Amino acid sequence: MRTFIAFDISDETRSGLGRAQRDMGRLAGVRWVRPAGIHLTMKFVGDVADQAIPDIFEVMRHGVAGVEPVEFAVRGLGWFPTGRRPRVLWAGVDCEGDVLSGIARRLDEGLADLGVRPENRAFRPHITLGRVREPLDAEAAEDAFERVVRREFGRSVANELVLYMSELHPEGACYMRMGAVGLGEAKSP
């Protein structure tokens, strides 16, 4: 099954991002993520066997051990990769300190022990708003971004790390919550 680890976002933030998608309008070649499916991905795990799930939860517990819930703001827009043909349109995540990066690093290290390929780039917290399926008209994209780029879309609290299963469908991905580990609950080893 195809899986990833994420933090959910607040209803306020989800609504703000949904409004931003609507305000940006239709961009040829962009498939917007449905607002109900918007989340802060911490690690894409990929295809895993059912028997690996308990080990993944153990890595998640270790990843947040000793970490208290943390508030973050969602603001600003961008795209990956920069300087080339964009593939992902995103909203920025602003969080004090490097708490989210630390969690991502511990997840990456723990999952590598389970055979999951580690990331080869630094973790940059962001929320995916859309995926670019064909070349994007740069002028149209800049106009769309200009309409919403200066907004703060909302604030959220990362209080539980969630393991999701992802199923891909022609109309978009569907996510099923498989379980969660609460921040502030797990104790340091």
C-alpha atoms as a PDB file:
ATOM      1  CA  MET A   1       0.000   0.000   0.000  1.00  0.00           C
ATOM      2  CA  ARG A   2       1.147   3.564  -0.781  1.00  0.00           C
ATOM      3  CA  THR A   3       1.672   5.594   2.408  1.00  0.00           C
ATOM      4  CA  PHE A   4       2.853   8.931   3.755  1.00  0.00           C
ATOM      5  CA  ILE A   5       3.222  10.645   7.138  1.00  0.00           C
ATOM      6  CA  ALA A   6       1.682  14.069   7.684  1.00  0.00           C
ATOM      7  CA  PHE A   7       0.260  16.647  10.048  1.00  0.00           C
ATOM      8  CA  ASP A   8      -3.348  17.669   9.517  1.00  0.00           C
ATOM      9  CA  ILE A   9      -4.160  21.362   9.245  1.00  0.00           C
ATOM     10  CA  SER A  10      -6.918  23.394  10.881  1.00  0.00           C
ATOM     11  CA  ASP A  11     -10.293  23.946   9.249  1.00  0.00           C
ATOM     12  CA  GLU A  12      -9.443  27.681   9.163  1.00  0.00           C
ATOM     13  CA  THR A  13      -6.263  26.987   7.191  1.00  0.00           C
ATOM     14  CA  ARG A  14      -7.985  24.495   4.894  1.00  0.00           C
ATOM     15  CA  SER A  15     -10.701  27.084   4.127  1.00  0.00           C
ATOM     16  CA  GLY A  16      -8.105  29.798   3.523  1.00  0.00           C
ATOM     17  CA  LEU A  17      -6.201  27.596   1.097  1.00  0.00           C
ATOM     18  CA  GLY A  18      -9.416  26.591  -0.682  1.00  0.00           C
ATOM     19  CA  ARG A  19     -10.270  30.287  -1.141  1.00  0.00           C
ATOM     20  CA  ALA A  20      -6.759  30.913  -2.481  1.00  0.00           C
ATOM     21  CA  GLN A  21      -7.170  28.119  -5.033  1.00  0.00           C
ATOM     22  CA  ARG A  22     -10.498  29.599  -6.161  1.00  0.00           C
ATOM     23  CA  ASP A  23      -9.061  33.130  -6.283  1.00  0.00           C
ATOM     24  CA  MET A  24      -6.122  31.977  -8.388  1.00  0.00           C
ATOM     25  CA  GLY A  25      -8.669  30.622 -10.828  1.00  0.00           C
ATOM     26  CA  ARG A  26      -8.225  28.086 -13.504  1.00  0.00           C
ATOM     27  CA  LEU A  27      -4.628  27.562 -14.549  1.00  0.00           C
ATOM     28  CA  ALA A  28      -4.244  25.407 -17.641  1.00  0.00           C
ATOM     29  CA  GLY A  29      -2.322  22.249 -16.821  1.00  0.00           C
ATOM     30  CA  VAL A  30      -2.752  22.486 -13.025  1.00  0.00           C
ATOM     31  CA  ARG A  31      -4.705  19.915 -11.033  1.00  0.00           C
ATOM     32  CA  TRP A  32      -5.628  21.477  -7.707  1.00  0.00           C
ATOM     33  CA  VAL A  33      -5.563  19.339  -4.574  1.00  0.00           C
ATOM     34  CA  ARG A  34      -9.057  19.080  -3.114  1.00  0.00           C
ATOM     35  CA  PRO A  35      -9.175  21.194   0.078  1.00  0.00           C
ATOM     36  CA  ALA A  36     -10.321  18.169   2.111  1.00  0.00           C
ATOM     37  CA  GLY A  37      -7.068  16.408   1.179  1.00  0.00           C
ATOM     38  CA  ILE A  38      -4.678  19.248   2.000  1.00  0.00           C
ATOM     39  CA  HIS A  39      -2.136  18.407   4.720  1.00  0.00           C
ATOM     40  CA  LEU A  40       1.502  19.027   5.703  1.00  0.00           C
ATOM     41  CA  THR A  41       3.471  16.025   4.447  1.00  0.00           C
ATOM     42  CA  MET A  42       6.428  15.158   6.635  1.00  0.00           C
ATOM     43  CA  LYS A  43       7.587  12.062   4.749  1.00  0.00           C
ATOM     44  CA  PHE A  44       6.398  10.171   1.700  1.00  0.00           C
ATOM     45  CA  VAL A  45       6.983   6.538   2.619  1.00  0.00           C
ATOM     46  CA  GLY A  46       5.799   4.866  -0.579  1.00  0.00           C
ATOM     47  CA  ASP A  47       4.652   1.301  -1.045  1.00  0.00           C
ATOM     48  CA  VAL A  48       4.913  -0.798   2.100  1.00  0.00           C
ATOM     49  CA  ALA A  49       3.742  -4.245   3.141  1.00  0.00           C
ATOM     50  CA  ASP A  50       1.052  -4.566   5.818  1.00  0.00           C
ATOM     51  CA  GLN A  51       3.508  -6.168   8.234  1.00  0.00           C
ATOM     52  CA  ALA A  52       5.723  -3.021   8.122  1.00  0.00           C
ATOM     53  CA  ILE A  53       2.984  -0.771   9.572  1.00  0.00           C
ATOM     54  CA  PRO A  54       3.787  -1.435  13.280  1.00  0.00           C
ATOM     55  CA  ASP A  55       7.461  -0.597  12.607  1.00  0.00           C
ATOM     56  CA  ILE A  56       6.445   2.629  10.857  1.00  0.00           C
ATOM     57  CA  PHE A  57       4.372   3.629  13.899  1.00  0.00           C
ATOM     58  CA  GLU A  58       7.402   2.947  16.091  1.00  0.00           C
ATOM     59  CA  VAL A  59       9.510   5.252  13.898  1.00  0.00           C
ATOM     60  CA  MET A  60       6.767   7.886  14.162  1.00  0.00           C
ATOM     61  CA  ARG A  61       6.755   7.586  17.990  1.00  0.00           C
ATOM     62  CA  HIS A  62      10.523   8.044  18.028  1.00  0.00           C
ATOM     63  CA  GLY A  63      10.241  10.950  15.558  1.00  0.00           C
ATOM     64  CA  VAL A  64       8.054  12.984  17.918  1.00  0.00           C
ATOM     65  CA  ALA A  65       9.437  11.743  21.259  1.00  0.00           C
ATOM     66  CA  GLY A  66       9.786  14.678  23.633  1.00  0.00           C
ATOM     67  CA  VAL A  67       8.235  17.130  21.142  1.00  0.00           C
ATOM     68  CA  GLU A  68       5.309  19.232  22.322  1.00  0.00           C
ATOM     69  CA  PRO A  69       2.560  20.379  19.911  1.00  0.00           C
ATOM     70  CA  VAL A  70       3.795  23.236  17.728  1.00  0.00           C
ATOM     71  CA  GLU A  71       1.876  26.043  16.037  1.00  0.00           C
ATOM     72  CA  PHE A  72       2.616  27.072  12.473  1.00  0.00           C
ATOM     73  CA  ALA A  73       1.294  29.667  10.043  1.00  0.00           C
ATOM     74  CA  VAL A  74       0.596  28.988   6.385  1.00  0.00           C
ATOM     75  CA  ARG A  75       1.476  31.930   4.146  1.00  0.00           C
ATOM     76  CA  GLY A  76       3.063  32.747   0.819  1.00  0.00           C
ATOM     77  CA  LEU A  77       3.215  30.744  -2.380  1.00  0.00           C
ATOM     78  CA  GLY A  78       5.882  29.111  -4.484  1.00  0.00           C
ATOM     79  CA  TRP A  79       6.645  26.201  -6.767  1.00  0.00           C
ATOM     80  CA  PHE A  80       9.066  23.306  -7.096  1.00  0.00           C
ATOM     81  CA  PRO A  81      11.453  22.955  -8.731  1.00  0.00           C
ATOM     82  CA  THR A  82      12.580  26.552  -8.766  1.00  0.00           C
ATOM     83  CA  GLY A  83      14.144  27.967 -11.915  1.00  0.00           C
ATOM     84  CA  ARG A  84      12.817  25.170 -14.116  1.00  0.00           C
ATOM     85  CA  ARG A  85       9.492  23.841 -15.262  1.00  0.00           C
ATOM     86  CA  PRO A  86       7.319  23.789 -12.101  1.00  0.00           C
ATOM     87  CA  ARG A  87       5.706  20.513 -11.057  1.00  0.00           C
ATOM     88  CA  VAL A  88       4.214  21.477  -7.677  1.00  0.00           C
ATOM     89  CA  LEU A  89       2.495  24.694  -6.552  1.00  0.00           C
ATOM     90  CA  TRP A  90       2.663  25.165  -2.793  1.00  0.00           C
ATOM     91  CA  ALA A  91       1.876  27.369   0.211  1.00  0.00           C
ATOM     92  CA  GLY A  92       4.657  28.079   2.686  1.00  0.00           C
ATOM     93  CA  VAL A  93       4.758  26.875   6.289  1.00  0.00           C
ATOM     94  CA  ASP A  94       6.223  29.243   8.865  1.00  0.00           C
ATOM     95  CA  CYS A  95       7.173  27.687  12.197  1.00  0.00           C
ATOM     96  CA  GLU A  96       9.502  28.983  14.908  1.00  0.00           C
ATOM     97  CA  GLY A  97      12.738  27.072  15.221  1.00  0.00           C
ATOM     98  CA  ASP A  98      13.531  23.850  13.450  1.00  0.00           C
ATOM     99  CA  VAL A  99      11.037  21.548  15.181  1.00  0.00           C
ATOM    100  CA  LEU A 100       9.440  20.368  11.935  1.00  0.00           C
ATOM    101  CA  SER A 101      12.831  19.827  10.285  1.00  0.00           C
ATOM    102  CA  GLY A 102      13.969  17.832  13.311  1.00  0.00           C
ATOM    103  CA  ILE A 103      10.917  15.579  13.129  1.00  0.00           C
ATOM    104  CA  ALA A 104      11.424  15.114   9.377  1.00  0.00           C
ATOM    105  CA  ARG A 105      15.088  14.206   9.928  1.00  0.00           C
ATOM    106  CA  ARG A 106      14.244  11.617  12.621  1.00  0.00           C
ATOM    107  CA  LEU A 107      11.533  10.113  10.400  1.00  0.00           C
ATOM    108  CA  ASP A 108      13.944   9.940   7.476  1.00  0.00           C
ATOM    109  CA  GLU A 109      16.637   8.239   9.586  1.00  0.00           C
ATOM    110  CA  GLY A 110      14.251   5.763  11.204  1.00  0.00           C
ATOM    111  CA  LEU A 111      12.523   4.831   7.973  1.00  0.00           C
ATOM    112  CA  ALA A 112      15.887   4.363   6.228  1.00  0.00           C
ATOM    113  CA  ASP A 113      16.494   1.516   8.710  1.00  0.00           C
ATOM    114  CA  LEU A 114      13.288  -0.049   7.336  1.00  0.00           C
ATOM    115  CA  GLY A 115      14.506   0.245   3.736  1.00  0.00           C
ATOM    116  CA  VAL A 116      12.733   3.491   2.813  1.00  0.00           C
ATOM    117  CA  ARG A 117      14.953   5.657   0.651  1.00  0.00           C
ATOM    118  CA  PRO A 118      16.111   8.783   2.515  1.00  0.00           C
ATOM    119  CA  GLU A 119      15.515  12.241   1.075  1.00  0.00           C
ATOM    120  CA  ASN A 120      18.420  13.681  -0.877  1.00  0.00           C
ATOM    121  CA  ARG A 121      17.400  17.296  -0.246  1.00  0.00           C
ATOM    122  CA  ALA A 122      16.776  19.425   2.818  1.00  0.00           C
ATOM    123  CA  PHE A 123      13.260  19.375   4.260  1.00  0.00           C
ATOM    124  CA  ARG A 124      11.290  22.516   3.376  1.00  0.00           C
ATOM    125  CA  PRO A 125       7.889  22.477   5.048  1.00  0.00           C
ATOM    126  CA  HIS A 126       5.161  23.323   2.556  1.00  0.00           C
ATOM    127  CA  ILE A 127       1.601  22.430   1.681  1.00  0.00           C
ATOM    128  CA  THR A 128       0.947  21.209  -1.843  1.00  0.00           C
ATOM    129  CA  LEU A 129      -1.904  23.119  -3.487  1.00  0.00           C
ATOM    130  CA  GLY A 130      -1.642  21.819  -7.024  1.00  0.00           C
ATOM    131  CA  ARG A 131       0.330  19.620  -9.377  1.00  0.00           C
ATOM    132  CA  VAL A 132       1.382  20.816 -12.809  1.00  0.00           C
ATOM    133  CA  ARG A 133       0.522  18.265 -15.494  1.00  0.00           C
ATOM    134  CA  GLU A 134       1.673  20.196 -18.574  1.00  0.00           C
ATOM    135  CA  PRO A 135       3.809  23.281 -19.218  1.00  0.00           C
ATOM    136  CA  LEU A 136       2.536  26.221 -17.201  1.00  0.00           C
ATOM    137  CA  ASP A 137       2.012  29.636 -18.789  1.00  0.00           C
ATOM    138  CA  ALA A 138       4.447  31.728 -16.698  1.00  0.00           C
ATOM    139  CA  GLU A 139       2.516  34.980 -17.130  1.00  0.00           C
ATOM    140  CA  ALA A 140      -0.816  33.398 -16.147  1.00  0.00           C
ATOM    141  CA  ALA A 141       0.810  31.748 -13.115  1.00  0.00           C
ATOM    142  CA  GLU A 142       2.402  35.017 -11.974  1.00  0.00           C
ATOM    143  CA  ASP A 143      -0.952  36.827 -12.322  1.00  0.00           C
ATOM    144  CA  ALA A 144      -2.716  34.094 -10.326  1.00  0.00           C
ATOM    145  CA  PHE A 145      -0.060  34.117  -7.591  1.00  0.00           C
ATOM    146  CA  GLU A 146      -0.155  37.909  -7.364  1.00  0.00           C
ATOM    147  CA  ARG A 147      -3.847  37.742  -6.424  1.00  0.00           C
ATOM    148  CA  VAL A 148      -3.137  35.735  -3.237  1.00  0.00           C
ATOM    149  CA  VAL A 149       0.608  35.666  -2.482  1.00  0.00           C
ATOM    150  CA  ARG A 150       0.578  38.129   0.415  1.00  0.00           C
ATOM    151  CA  ARG A 151      -2.138  36.386   2.385  1.00  0.00           C
ATOM    152  CA  GLU A 152      -1.815  34.385   5.540  1.00  0.00           C
ATOM    153  CA  PHE A 153      -4.041  31.390   4.898  1.00  0.00           C
ATOM    154  CA  GLY A 154      -4.408  30.384   8.532  1.00  0.00           C
ATOM    155  CA  ARG A 155      -2.691  28.918  11.562  1.00  0.00           C
ATOM    156  CA  SER A 156      -2.582  25.289  12.636  1.00  0.00           C
ATOM    157  CA  VAL A 157      -1.213  23.231  15.488  1.00  0.00           C
ATOM    158  CA  ALA A 158       0.819  20.117  14.763  1.00  0.00           C
ATOM    159  CA  ASN A 159      -0.440  17.943  17.599  1.00  0.00           C
ATOM    160  CA  GLU A 160      -0.497  14.470  16.078  1.00  0.00           C
ATOM    161  CA  LEU A 161       1.538  12.782  13.380  1.00  0.00           C
ATOM    162  CA  VAL A 162      -0.731  10.771  11.077  1.00  0.00           C
ATOM    163  CA  LEU A 163       0.016   7.775   8.858  1.00  0.00           C
ATOM    164  CA  TYR A 164      -2.104   7.873   5.706  1.00  0.00           C
ATOM    165  CA  MET A 165      -2.701   5.374   2.954  1.00  0.00           C
ATOM    166  CA  SER A 166      -3.047   6.981  -0.455  1.00  0.00           C
ATOM    167  CA  GLU A 167      -5.059   5.568  -3.338  1.00  0.00           C
ATOM    168  CA  LEU A 168      -4.664   7.184  -6.742  1.00  0.00           C
ATOM    169  CA  HIS A 169      -7.769   7.679  -8.877  1.00  0.00           C
ATOM    170  CA  PRO A 170      -8.315   9.552 -12.159  1.00  0.00           C
ATOM    171  CA  GLU A 171     -10.172  12.324 -10.293  1.00  0.00           C
ATOM    172  CA  GLY A 172      -7.377  12.651  -7.708  1.00  0.00           C
ATOM    173  CA  ALA A 173      -5.880  10.902  -4.709  1.00  0.00           C
ATOM    174  CA  CYS A 174      -7.981   9.630  -1.808  1.00  0.00           C
ATOM    175  CA  TYR A 175      -6.419   9.408   1.641  1.00  0.00           C
ATOM    176  CA  MET A 176      -7.324   6.999   4.430  1.00  0.00           C
ATOM    177  CA  ARG A 177      -6.146   7.685   7.957  1.00  0.00           C
ATOM    178  CA  MET A 178      -4.447   4.583   9.361  1.00  0.00           C
ATOM    179  CA  GLY A 179      -3.615   5.942  12.813  1.00  0.00           C
ATOM    180  CA  ALA A 180      -1.727   8.688  14.615  1.00  0.00           C
ATOM    181  CA  VAL A 181       0.886   9.407  17.266  1.00  0.00           C
ATOM    182  CA  GLY A 182       0.218  12.395  19.504  1.00  0.00           C
ATOM    183  CA  LEU A 183       2.902  14.986  20.200  1.00  0.00           C
ATOM    184  CA  GLY A 184       3.593  15.461  23.877  1.00  0.00           C
ATOM    185  CA  GLU A 185       2.479  11.860  24.552  1.00  0.00           C
ATOM    186  CA  ALA A 186       5.550   9.952  23.408  1.00  0.00           C
ATOM    187  CA  LYS A 187       8.434   9.994  25.855  1.00  0.00           C
ATOM    188  CA  SER A 188      12.090  10.371  24.930  1.00  0.00           C
ATOM    189  CA  PRO A 189      13.978   7.068  24.878  1.00  0.00           C
END
